[in-house]
C-alpha atoms as a PDB file:
ATOM      1  CA  UNK A   1     -51.296 -72.520  24.509  1.00  0.00           C
ATOM      2  CA  UNK A   2     -50.445 -74.564  22.112  1.00  0.00           C
ATOM      3  CA  UNK A   3     -47.642 -77.662  21.713  1.00  0.00           C
ATOM      4  CA  UNK A   4     -46.089 -78.922  18.780  1.00  0.00           C
ATOM      5  CA  UNK A   5     -44.200 -81.110  17.276  1.00  0.00           C
ATOM      6  CA  UNK A   6     -40.632 -81.225  15.239  1.00  0.00           C
ATOM      7  CA  UNK A   7     -42.368 -80.981  12.408  1.00  0.00           C
ATOM      8  CA  UNK A   8     -43.778 -78.674  13.953  1.00  0.00           C
ATOM      9  CA  UNK A   9     -47.696 -79.966  13.331  1.00  0.00           C
ATOM     10  CA  UNK A  10     -49.760 -79.138  16.302  1.00  0.00           C
ATOM     11  CA  UNK A  11     -50.386 -81.722  19.253  1.00  0.00           C
ATOM     12  CA  UNK A  12     -53.003 -80.028  20.835  1.00  0.00           C
ATOM     13  CA  UNK A  13     -53.881 -76.600  22.907  1.00  0.00           C
ATOM     14  CA  UNK A  14     -53.490 -77.093  27.137  1.00  0.00           C
ATOM     15  CA  UNK A  15     -55.413 -73.371  27.540  1.00  0.00           C
ATOM     16  CA  UNK A  16     -57.799 -71.132  26.151  1.00  0.00           C
ATOM     17  CA  UNK A  17     -58.555 -68.578  28.445  1.00  0.00           C
ATOM     18  CA  UNK A  18     -57.174 -65.611  29.590  1.00  0.00           C
ATOM     19  CA  UNK A  19     -55.409 -65.381  33.133  1.00  0.00           C
ATOM     20  CA  UNK A  20     -54.135 -62.057  35.300  1.00  0.00           C
ATOM     21  CA  UNK A  21     -50.839 -61.341  35.422  1.00  0.00           C
ATOM     22  CA  UNK A  22     -48.798 -62.606  37.434  1.00  0.00           C
ATOM     23  CA  UNK A  23     -47.230 -66.487  37.751  1.00  0.00           C
ATOM     24  CA  UNK A  24     -48.758 -69.804  36.782  1.00  0.00           C
ATOM     25  CA  UNK A  25     -47.476 -73.036  35.776  1.00  0.00           C
ATOM     26  CA  UNK A  26     -49.386 -75.533  33.598  1.00  0.00           C
ATOM     27  CA  UNK A  27     -49.103 -80.408  33.532  1.00  0.00           C
ATOM     28  CA  UNK A  28     -49.037 -81.009  30.270  1.00  0.00           C
ATOM     29  CA  UNK A  29     -50.476 -85.325  30.558  1.00  0.00           C
ATOM     30  CA  UNK A  30     -48.320 -86.116  27.369  1.00  0.00           C
ATOM     31  CA  UNK A  31     -51.917 -86.850  25.683  1.00  0.00           C
ATOM     32  CA  UNK A  32     -52.541 -84.984  22.103  1.00  0.00           C
ATOM     33  CA  UNK A  33     -56.224 -83.793  21.086  1.00  0.00           C
ATOM     34  CA  UNK A  34     -57.692 -86.522  19.797  1.00  0.00           C
ATOM     35  CA  UNK A  35     -56.495 -88.329  23.757  1.00  0.00           C
ATOM     36  CA  UNK A  36     -53.976 -90.236  22.645  1.00  0.00           C
ATOM     37  CA  UNK A  37     -50.801 -90.978  24.604  1.00  0.00           C
ATOM     38  CA  UNK A  38     -47.774 -89.096  22.854  1.00  0.00           C
ATOM     39  CA  UNK A  39     -44.354 -90.885  22.432  1.00  0.00           C
ATOM     40  CA  UNK A  40     -41.297 -89.878  23.815  1.00  0.00           C
ATOM     41  CA  UNK A  41     -38.896 -86.974  22.083  1.00  0.00           C
ATOM     42  CA  UNK A  42     -38.278 -83.293  20.977  1.00  0.00           C
ATOM     43  CA  UNK A  43     -42.323 -80.891  21.883  1.00  0.00           C
ATOM     44  CA  UNK A  44     -42.591 -76.661  21.342  1.00  0.00           C
ATOM     45  CA  UNK A  45     -45.015 -75.272  23.282  1.00  0.00           C
ATOM     46  CA  UNK A  46     -46.074 -71.235  21.656  1.00  0.00           C
ATOM     47  CA  UNK A  47     -47.747 -68.477  24.505  1.00  0.00           C
ATOM     48  CA  UNK A  48     -48.746 -65.764  23.247  1.00  0.00           C
ATOM     49  CA  UNK A  49     -50.189 -62.076  25.873  1.00  0.00           C
ATOM     50  CA  UNK A  50     -51.004 -59.200  24.456  1.00  0.00           C
ATOM     51  CA  UNK A  51     -47.976 -58.538  21.929  1.00  0.00           C
ATOM     52  CA  UNK A  52     -46.069 -61.199  23.837  1.00  0.00           C
ATOM     53  CA  UNK A  53     -45.511 -64.606  22.213  1.00  0.00           C
ATOM     54  CA  UNK A  54     -42.335 -66.540  22.765  1.00  0.00           C
ATOM     55  CA  UNK A  55     -42.213 -70.709  21.670  1.00  0.00           C
ATOM     56  CA  UNK A  56     -39.590 -73.140  24.569  1.00  0.00           C
ATOM     57  CA  UNK A  57     -39.148 -76.294  23.914  1.00  0.00           C
ATOM     58  CA  UNK A  58     -39.477 -79.353  25.790  1.00  0.00           C
ATOM     59  CA  UNK A  59     -38.145 -82.912  25.898  1.00  0.00           C
ATOM     60  CA  UNK A  60     -40.545 -84.787  27.153  1.00  0.00           C
ATOM     61  CA  UNK A  61     -39.542 -89.323  28.305  1.00  0.00           C
ATOM     62  CA  UNK A  62     -41.671 -91.256  28.872  1.00  0.00           C
END
């Protein structure tokens, strides 16, 4: 699972490992790959699993 900004630049990678089938939740602490706090704004998260992939929008408010 990766987080991207409005410019399509990767902000951070939250998950790299695989999980068993089922329901899971992930909490983003609002930090980028350099461990700096990101600004409030619109971000996108990308999820890939096998042949499935999705990109969804989220809003971070500080």
